[in-house]
Amino acid sequence: MSTRPTKEPAAVPPEIQTRLEAAGLRRTLATRAVLGLFLANPQGTLSHAQALASLTARGLDINRVTLYRLLDRLAACGVLQRHADDGARTWRYGLADTGEGTAPRFECDACHRQFRLTEASAPTQAVASDLFRTLAGLGHQGLRVDVSIHGTCASCVPGADAGGEPLP
């Protein structure tokens, strides 16, 4: 990996640093740069190709395989969430929830922004607990529950203004 002058990414929040350390991941230049992409747009998601293009535009020349491995390691330790983009037949990555509990998320299929639906977290947490109990009864160990609702956000709905409100 070679570098050209680049801005230092945003500071890594303590909860993310804790997850990195627990997984044994070092804060290399590539790790900081990738985290910076997601911290700069917490609701956004990126495909591998988009992340590579953004890093290159910021002056970081990173090997594409190294980036694949880094994205997967960040997802494995709970810093990023990885989910399928069926339309593009690729994986998309976004910041994982750092709070306790399970809150469903809404992902716009047009712009790929994600929105946590925290108002629904109590009922969802009850369902998640039931699923974990069911798995444990079968001898399995569940690690997390990802609930995702797909559709079109208010900003992308045809006939909506820039603020996401429908036009008259």
C-alpha atoms as a PDB file:
ATOM      1  CA  MET A   1       0.000   0.000   0.000  1.00  0.00           C
ATOM      2  CA  SER A   2       1.425   3.368  -0.947  1.00  0.00           C
ATOM      3  CA  THR A   3       0.131   6.707   0.166  1.00  0.00           C
ATOM      4  CA  ARG A   4      -0.158  10.220  -1.066  1.00  0.00           C
ATOM      5  CA  PRO A   5      -0.957  13.114   1.251  1.00  0.00           C
ATOM      6  CA  THR A   6      -4.349  12.532   2.854  1.00  0.00           C
ATOM      7  CA  LYS A   7      -6.352  14.012   5.677  1.00  0.00           C
ATOM      8  CA  GLU A   8      -6.428  12.064   8.943  1.00  0.00           C
ATOM      9  CA  PRO A   9      -9.849  10.443   9.347  1.00  0.00           C
ATOM     10  CA  ALA A  10     -12.195  11.346  12.176  1.00  0.00           C
ATOM     11  CA  ALA A  11     -11.289  10.171  15.679  1.00  0.00           C
ATOM     12  CA  VAL A  12     -12.337   6.606  16.415  1.00  0.00           C
ATOM     13  CA  PRO A  13     -15.095   6.500  19.065  1.00  0.00           C
ATOM     14  CA  PRO A  14     -14.174   4.530  22.218  1.00  0.00           C
ATOM     15  CA  GLU A  15     -16.777   1.780  21.628  1.00  0.00           C
ATOM     16  CA  ILE A  16     -15.325   1.101  18.179  1.00  0.00           C
ATOM     17  CA  GLN A  17     -11.758   1.182  19.511  1.00  0.00           C
ATOM     18  CA  THR A  18     -12.796  -1.378  22.144  1.00  0.00           C
ATOM     19  CA  ARG A  19     -14.171  -3.698  19.448  1.00  0.00           C
ATOM     20  CA  LEU A  20     -10.989  -3.319  17.374  1.00  0.00           C
ATOM     21  CA  GLU A  21      -8.790  -4.147  20.362  1.00  0.00           C
ATOM     22  CA  ALA A  22     -10.942  -7.122  21.389  1.00  0.00           C
ATOM     23  CA  ALA A  23     -10.559  -8.529  17.866  1.00  0.00           C
ATOM     24  CA  GLY A  24      -6.814  -7.885  17.830  1.00  0.00           C
ATOM     25  CA  LEU A  25      -7.035  -5.422  14.930  1.00  0.00           C
ATOM     26  CA  ARG A  26      -4.388  -2.729  14.811  1.00  0.00           C
ATOM     27  CA  ARG A  27      -5.193   0.862  13.870  1.00  0.00           C
ATOM     28  CA  THR A  28      -3.129   0.892  10.704  1.00  0.00           C
ATOM     29  CA  LEU A  29      -3.374   3.703   8.172  1.00  0.00           C
ATOM     30  CA  ALA A  30      -5.721   1.548   6.072  1.00  0.00           C
ATOM     31  CA  THR A  31      -7.938   0.749   9.080  1.00  0.00           C
ATOM     32  CA  ARG A  32      -8.147   4.421  10.087  1.00  0.00           C
ATOM     33  CA  ALA A  33      -8.893   5.479   6.512  1.00  0.00           C
ATOM     34  CA  VAL A  34     -11.653   2.873   6.066  1.00  0.00           C
ATOM     35  CA  LEU A  35     -13.198   3.773   9.417  1.00  0.00           C
ATOM     36  CA  GLY A  36     -13.026   7.430   8.401  1.00  0.00           C
ATOM     37  CA  LEU A  37     -15.204   6.690   5.347  1.00  0.00           C
ATOM     38  CA  PHE A  38     -17.952   5.235   7.511  1.00  0.00           C
ATOM     39  CA  LEU A  39     -17.623   7.687  10.409  1.00  0.00           C
ATOM     40  CA  ALA A  40     -17.961  10.600   7.983  1.00  0.00           C
ATOM     41  CA  ASN A  41     -21.367   9.262   6.853  1.00  0.00           C
ATOM     42  CA  PRO A  42     -22.792   7.078   9.665  1.00  0.00           C
ATOM     43  CA  GLN A  43     -26.077   6.343   7.861  1.00  0.00           C
ATOM     44  CA  GLY A  44     -24.411   5.537   4.564  1.00  0.00           C
ATOM     45  CA  THR A  45     -23.357   2.207   3.172  1.00  0.00           C
ATOM     46  CA  LEU A  46     -20.652   1.434   0.657  1.00  0.00           C
ATOM     47  CA  SER A  47     -19.852  -1.447  -1.624  1.00  0.00           C
ATOM     48  CA  HIS A  48     -16.251  -2.607  -1.869  1.00  0.00           C
ATOM     49  CA  ALA A  49     -15.865  -0.774  -5.190  1.00  0.00           C
ATOM     50  CA  GLN A  50     -17.261   2.466  -3.740  1.00  0.00           C
ATOM     51  CA  ALA A  51     -14.968   2.226  -0.706  1.00  0.00           C
ATOM     52  CA  LEU A  52     -11.965   1.603  -2.969  1.00  0.00           C
ATOM     53  CA  ALA A  53     -12.853   4.579  -5.189  1.00  0.00           C
ATOM     54  CA  SER A  54     -13.328   6.854  -2.149  1.00  0.00           C
ATOM     55  CA  LEU A  55     -10.010   5.830  -0.614  1.00  0.00           C
ATOM     56  CA  THR A  56      -8.218   6.331  -3.932  1.00  0.00           C
ATOM     57  CA  ALA A  57      -9.814   9.777  -4.309  1.00  0.00           C
ATOM     58  CA  ARG A  58      -8.515  10.642  -0.825  1.00  0.00           C
ATOM     59  CA  GLY A  59      -4.983   9.722  -1.813  1.00  0.00           C
ATOM     60  CA  LEU A  60      -4.719   6.220  -0.361  1.00  0.00           C
ATOM     61  CA  ASP A  61      -3.562   3.498  -2.750  1.00  0.00           C
ATOM     62  CA  ILE A  62      -4.800   0.284  -1.137  1.00  0.00           C
ATOM     63  CA  ASN A  63      -4.784  -3.170  -2.687  1.00  0.00           C
ATOM     64  CA  ARG A  64      -8.334  -4.308  -3.475  1.00  0.00           C
ATOM     65  CA  VAL A  65      -7.834  -7.708  -1.775  1.00  0.00           C
ATOM     66  CA  THR A  66      -6.476  -6.004   1.342  1.00  0.00           C
ATOM     67  CA  LEU A  67      -9.599  -3.850   1.383  1.00  0.00           C
ATOM     68  CA  TYR A  68     -11.890  -6.903   0.997  1.00  0.00           C
ATOM     69  CA  ARG A  69     -10.173  -8.575   3.948  1.00  0.00           C
ATOM     70  CA  LEU A  70     -10.250  -5.421   6.066  1.00  0.00           C
ATOM     71  CA  LEU A  71     -13.962  -4.828   5.432  1.00  0.00           C
ATOM     72  CA  ASP A  72     -14.732  -8.436   6.352  1.00  0.00           C
ATOM     73  CA  ARG A  73     -12.600  -8.243   9.518  1.00  0.00           C
ATOM     74  CA  LEU A  74     -14.342  -5.029  10.562  1.00  0.00           C
ATOM     75  CA  ALA A  75     -17.687  -6.751  10.012  1.00  0.00           C
ATOM     76  CA  ALA A  76     -16.585  -9.852  11.935  1.00  0.00           C
ATOM     77  CA  CYS A  77     -15.661  -7.799  15.009  1.00  0.00           C
ATOM     78  CA  GLY A  78     -18.934  -5.854  14.953  1.00  0.00           C
ATOM     79  CA  VAL A  79     -17.616  -2.482  13.784  1.00  0.00           C
ATOM     80  CA  LEU A  80     -19.326  -2.744  10.394  1.00  0.00           C
ATOM     81  CA  GLN A  81     -22.445  -4.540   9.259  1.00  0.00           C
ATOM     82  CA  ARG A  82     -22.330  -6.427   5.986  1.00  0.00           C
ATOM     83  CA  HIS A  83     -25.461  -7.131   4.010  1.00  0.00           C
ATOM     84  CA  ALA A  84     -26.303  -8.224   0.503  1.00  0.00           C
ATOM     85  CA  ASP A  85     -27.326  -5.743  -2.148  1.00  0.00           C
ATOM     86  CA  ASP A  86     -29.303  -8.164  -4.276  1.00  0.00           C
ATOM     87  CA  GLY A  87     -29.884  -5.667  -7.077  1.00  0.00           C
ATOM     88  CA  ALA A  88     -26.165  -5.039  -7.566  1.00  0.00           C
ATOM     89  CA  ARG A  89     -25.176  -8.598  -6.583  1.00  0.00           C
ATOM     90  CA  THR A  90     -22.576  -7.354  -4.116  1.00  0.00           C
ATOM     91  CA  TRP A  91     -22.033  -6.760  -0.400  1.00  0.00           C
ATOM     92  CA  ARG A  92     -22.646  -3.366   1.198  1.00  0.00           C
ATOM     93  CA  TYR A  93     -21.032  -2.251   4.439  1.00  0.00           C
ATOM     94  CA  GLY A  94     -22.159   0.305   6.992  1.00  0.00           C
ATOM     95  CA  LEU A  95     -21.419   1.164  10.607  1.00  0.00           C
ATOM     96  CA  ALA A  96     -22.837  -1.387  13.012  1.00  0.00           C
ATOM     97  CA  ASP A  97     -25.046  -0.370  15.889  1.00  0.00           C
ATOM     98  CA  THR A  98     -22.878   0.344  18.913  1.00  0.00           C
ATOM     99  CA  GLY A  99     -25.716   0.619  21.410  1.00  0.00           C
ATOM    100  CA  GLU A 100     -27.172  -2.179  23.478  1.00  0.00           C
ATOM    101  CA  GLY A 101     -30.156  -4.061  22.186  1.00  0.00           C
ATOM    102  CA  THR A 102     -31.513  -4.750  18.760  1.00  0.00           C
ATOM    103  CA  ALA A 103     -33.134  -1.978  16.781  1.00  0.00           C
ATOM    104  CA  PRO A 104     -34.428  -2.683  13.308  1.00  0.00           C
ATOM    105  CA  ARG A 105     -33.097  -0.563  10.496  1.00  0.00           C
ATOM    106  CA  PHE A 106     -34.623   0.758   7.334  1.00  0.00           C
ATOM    107  CA  GLU A 107     -32.447   0.835   4.226  1.00  0.00           C
ATOM    108  CA  CYS A 108     -33.362   2.891   1.192  1.00  0.00           C
ATOM    109  CA  ASP A 109     -32.827   0.771  -1.896  1.00  0.00           C
ATOM    110  CA  ALA A 110     -32.303   3.933  -3.968  1.00  0.00           C
ATOM    111  CA  CYS A 111     -29.606   5.798  -1.975  1.00  0.00           C
ATOM    112  CA  HIS A 112     -28.568   3.000   0.445  1.00  0.00           C
ATOM    113  CA  ARG A 113     -28.794   5.228   3.527  1.00  0.00           C
ATOM    114  CA  GLN A 114     -29.806   3.397   6.672  1.00  0.00           C
ATOM    115  CA  PHE A 115     -32.038   4.655   9.457  1.00  0.00           C
ATOM    116  CA  ARG A 116     -32.255   3.007  12.887  1.00  0.00           C
ATOM    117  CA  LEU A 117     -35.852   2.611  13.967  1.00  0.00           C
ATOM    118  CA  THR A 118     -35.223   3.076  17.685  1.00  0.00           C
ATOM    119  CA  GLU A 119     -38.923   3.549  18.480  1.00  0.00           C
ATOM    120  CA  ALA A 120     -39.433  -0.120  17.605  1.00  0.00           C
ATOM    121  CA  SER A 121     -36.497  -1.413  19.651  1.00  0.00           C
ATOM    122  CA  ALA A 122     -38.428  -2.700  22.727  1.00  0.00           C
ATOM    123  CA  PRO A 123     -40.696  -5.105  20.805  1.00  0.00           C
ATOM    124  CA  THR A 124     -37.815  -6.084  18.551  1.00  0.00           C
ATOM    125  CA  GLN A 125     -35.618  -6.805  21.572  1.00  0.00           C
ATOM    126  CA  ALA A 126     -38.301  -9.149  22.916  1.00  0.00           C
ATOM    127  CA  VAL A 127     -38.388 -11.033  19.596  1.00  0.00           C
ATOM    128  CA  ALA A 128     -34.571 -11.196  19.523  1.00  0.00           C
ATOM    129  CA  SER A 129     -34.476 -12.589  23.081  1.00  0.00           C
ATOM    130  CA  ASP A 130     -37.023 -15.243  22.111  1.00  0.00           C
ATOM    131  CA  LEU A 131     -34.943 -16.210  19.073  1.00  0.00           C
ATOM    132  CA  PHE A 132     -31.781 -16.503  21.211  1.00  0.00           C
ATOM    133  CA  ARG A 133     -33.645 -18.701  23.742  1.00  0.00           C
ATOM    134  CA  THR A 134     -34.924 -20.913  20.908  1.00  0.00           C
ATOM    135  CA  LEU A 135     -31.413 -21.264  19.472  1.00  0.00           C
ATOM    136  CA  ALA A 136     -29.948 -22.044  22.906  1.00  0.00           C
ATOM    137  CA  GLY A 137     -32.602 -24.740  23.386  1.00  0.00           C
ATOM    138  CA  LEU A 138     -31.373 -26.332  20.160  1.00  0.00           C
ATOM    139  CA  GLY A 139     -27.748 -26.153  21.312  1.00  0.00           C
ATOM    140  CA  HIS A 140     -26.781 -23.212  19.105  1.00  0.00           C
ATOM    141  CA  GLN A 141     -25.143 -19.973  20.183  1.00  0.00           C
ATOM    142  CA  GLY A 142     -26.642 -16.888  18.535  1.00  0.00           C
ATOM    143  CA  LEU A 143     -24.422 -13.824  18.299  1.00  0.00           C
ATOM    144  CA  ARG A 144     -26.679 -11.130  16.858  1.00  0.00           C
ATOM    145  CA  VAL A 145     -29.986 -10.512  15.163  1.00  0.00           C
ATOM    146  CA  ASP A 146     -30.111  -8.201  12.164  1.00  0.00           C
ATOM    147  CA  VAL A 147     -33.526  -6.875  11.243  1.00  0.00           C
ATOM    148  CA  SER A 148     -33.625  -4.850   8.035  1.00  0.00           C
ATOM    149  CA  ILE A 149     -36.568  -3.332   6.232  1.00  0.00           C
ATOM    150  CA  HIS A 150     -36.013  -2.251   2.634  1.00  0.00           C
ATOM    151  CA  GLY A 151     -37.860   0.359   0.639  1.00  0.00           C
ATOM    152  CA  THR A 152     -37.510   3.974  -0.493  1.00  0.00           C
ATOM    153  CA  CYS A 153     -36.721   6.787   1.943  1.00  0.00           C
ATOM    154  CA  ALA A 154     -38.683  10.035   2.025  1.00  0.00           C
ATOM    155  CA  SER A 155     -35.895  11.869   0.174  1.00  0.00           C
ATOM    156  CA  CYS A 156     -35.925   9.401  -2.716  1.00  0.00           C
ATOM    157  CA  VAL A 157     -39.685   8.999  -3.104  1.00  0.00           C
ATOM    158  CA  PRO A 158     -40.720  10.410  -6.480  1.00  0.00           C
ATOM    159  CA  GLY A 159     -42.434  13.747  -5.961  1.00  0.00           C
ATOM    160  CA  ALA A 160     -40.690  14.511  -2.642  1.00  0.00           C
ATOM    161  CA  ASP A 161     -38.722  17.704  -2.073  1.00  0.00           C
ATOM    162  CA  ALA A 162     -35.115  17.790  -0.800  1.00  0.00           C
ATOM    163  CA  GLY A 163     -36.301  17.686   2.827  1.00  0.00           C
ATOM    164  CA  GLY A 164     -38.087  14.402   2.282  1.00  0.00           C
ATOM    165  CA  GLU A 165     -41.592  15.921   2.443  1.00  0.00           C
ATOM    166  CA  PRO A 166     -44.000  14.990  -0.333  1.00  0.00           C
ATOM    167  CA  LEU A 167     -44.602  17.795  -2.781  1.00  0.00           C
ATOM    168  CA  PRO A 168     -48.189  19.124  -3.021  1.00  0.00           C
END
